[in-house]
Amino acid sequence: MLSLQRRFRLAALLALIVLGEVVVLAINRWRCPLTPIAARYTDDRRANFDIYLPEWLARYNKEIFGPLYLAGVVFLAMRWFEAAT
């Protein structure tokens, strides 16, 4: 929505924040660094034991939200470039 509203700097800032989260996940071998802390409080190890998502979505969240994030960044870049020309 921010790209459609031509609020490119804010959209880019938010995209960079998400990119920071991706870097943290990559450094931790695609696991949230808080998962071991949550694991101390339960024996449950289902995909959604540490996140409030349905199990199917928790299991595939990187595969679902990763492409959506990339599509959003590409859309932002296209709109920003279009507005600059």
Protein backbone atom coordinates (compact mmCIF):
# COMPACT_ATOMS: atom_id res chain seq x y z
CA MET A 1 0.00 0.00 0.00
CA LEU A 2 2.79 2.43 0.76
CA SER A 3 4.18 1.99 -2.74
CA LEU A 4 0.76 2.78 -4.19
CA GLN A 5 0.62 5.88 -2.01
CA ARG A 6 4.06 6.93 -3.27
CA ARG A 7 5.52 6.75 0.26
CA PHE A 8 8.67 5.14 -1.06
CA ARG A 9 11.10 6.04 1.71
CA LEU A 10 8.89 4.62 4.44
CA ALA A 11 8.25 1.48 2.37
CA ALA A 12 11.99 1.06 1.81
CA LEU A 13 12.71 1.55 5.52
CA LEU A 14 10.18 -1.13 6.46
CA ALA A 15 11.57 -3.47 3.79
CA LEU A 16 15.06 -2.97 5.26
CA ILE A 17 13.78 -3.82 8.73
CA VAL A 18 12.36 -7.09 7.40
CA LEU A 19 15.64 -7.71 5.59
CA GLY A 20 17.38 -7.35 8.95
CA GLU A 21 15.15 -10.10 10.32
CA VAL A 22 16.02 -12.28 7.33
CA VAL A 23 19.73 -11.74 8.02
CA VAL A 24 19.24 -12.78 11.66
CA LEU A 25 17.40 -15.92 10.53
CA ALA A 26 20.12 -16.73 7.97
CA ILE A 27 22.85 -16.38 10.59
CA ASN A 28 20.90 -18.75 12.86
CA ARG A 29 20.46 -21.41 10.16
CA TRP A 30 16.88 -20.30 9.38
CA ARG A 31 15.67 -20.70 12.95
CA CYS A 32 14.44 -17.92 15.17
CA PRO A 33 17.03 -17.18 17.84
CA LEU A 34 14.23 -17.08 20.43
CA THR A 35 13.07 -20.66 19.73
CA PRO A 36 15.52 -22.24 22.21
CA ILE A 37 14.20 -19.93 24.91
CA ALA A 38 10.60 -20.93 24.19
CA ALA A 39 11.66 -24.59 24.08
CA ARG A 40 12.70 -24.42 27.73
CA TYR A 41 9.07 -24.00 28.75
CA THR A 42 7.43 -26.87 26.86
CA ASP A 43 8.09 -30.32 25.47
CA ASP A 44 5.90 -29.55 22.46
CA ARG A 45 7.95 -29.36 19.26
CA ARG A 46 5.27 -28.91 16.63
CA ALA A 47 6.03 -26.30 13.98
CA ASN A 48 3.86 -23.73 15.75
CA PHE A 49 4.86 -24.33 19.37
CA ASP A 50 6.60 -20.95 19.57
CA ILE A 51 4.45 -18.86 17.23
CA TYR A 52 0.76 -17.98 17.11
CA LEU A 53 0.06 -19.34 13.64
CA PRO A 54 -1.81 -22.40 12.46
CA GLU A 55 0.57 -25.35 12.25
CA TRP A 56 0.47 -25.58 8.44
CA LEU A 57 1.34 -21.89 8.13
CA ALA A 58 4.08 -22.06 10.75
CA ARG A 59 5.63 -25.02 8.93
CA TYR A 60 5.74 -23.22 5.57
CA ASN A 61 5.96 -19.57 6.61
CA LYS A 62 9.33 -18.92 4.94
CA GLU A 63 8.14 -20.51 1.69
CA ILE A 64 4.93 -18.45 1.74
CA PHE A 65 6.08 -15.09 3.08
CA GLY A 66 9.51 -15.08 1.42
CA PRO A 67 8.15 -14.80 -2.13
CA LEU A 68 5.53 -12.29 -0.97
CA TYR A 69 8.28 -10.15 0.55
CA LEU A 70 10.37 -10.36 -2.63
CA ALA A 71 7.35 -9.47 -4.76
CA GLY A 72 6.69 -6.46 -2.52
CA VAL A 73 10.30 -5.28 -2.79
CA VAL A 74 10.24 -5.68 -6.58
CA PHE A 75 6.94 -3.77 -6.74
CA LEU A 76 8.41 -1.02 -4.56
CA ALA A 77 11.49 -0.75 -6.79
CA MET A 78 9.38 -0.64 -9.96
CA ARG A 79 7.04 2.06 -8.63
CA TRP A 80 9.94 4.13 -7.23
CA PHE A 81 11.83 3.92 -10.51
CA GLU A 82 8.66 4.78 -12.44
CA ALA A 83 8.06 7.84 -10.24
CA ALA A 84 11.67 9.00 -10.68
CA THR A 85 11.44 9.00 -14.47
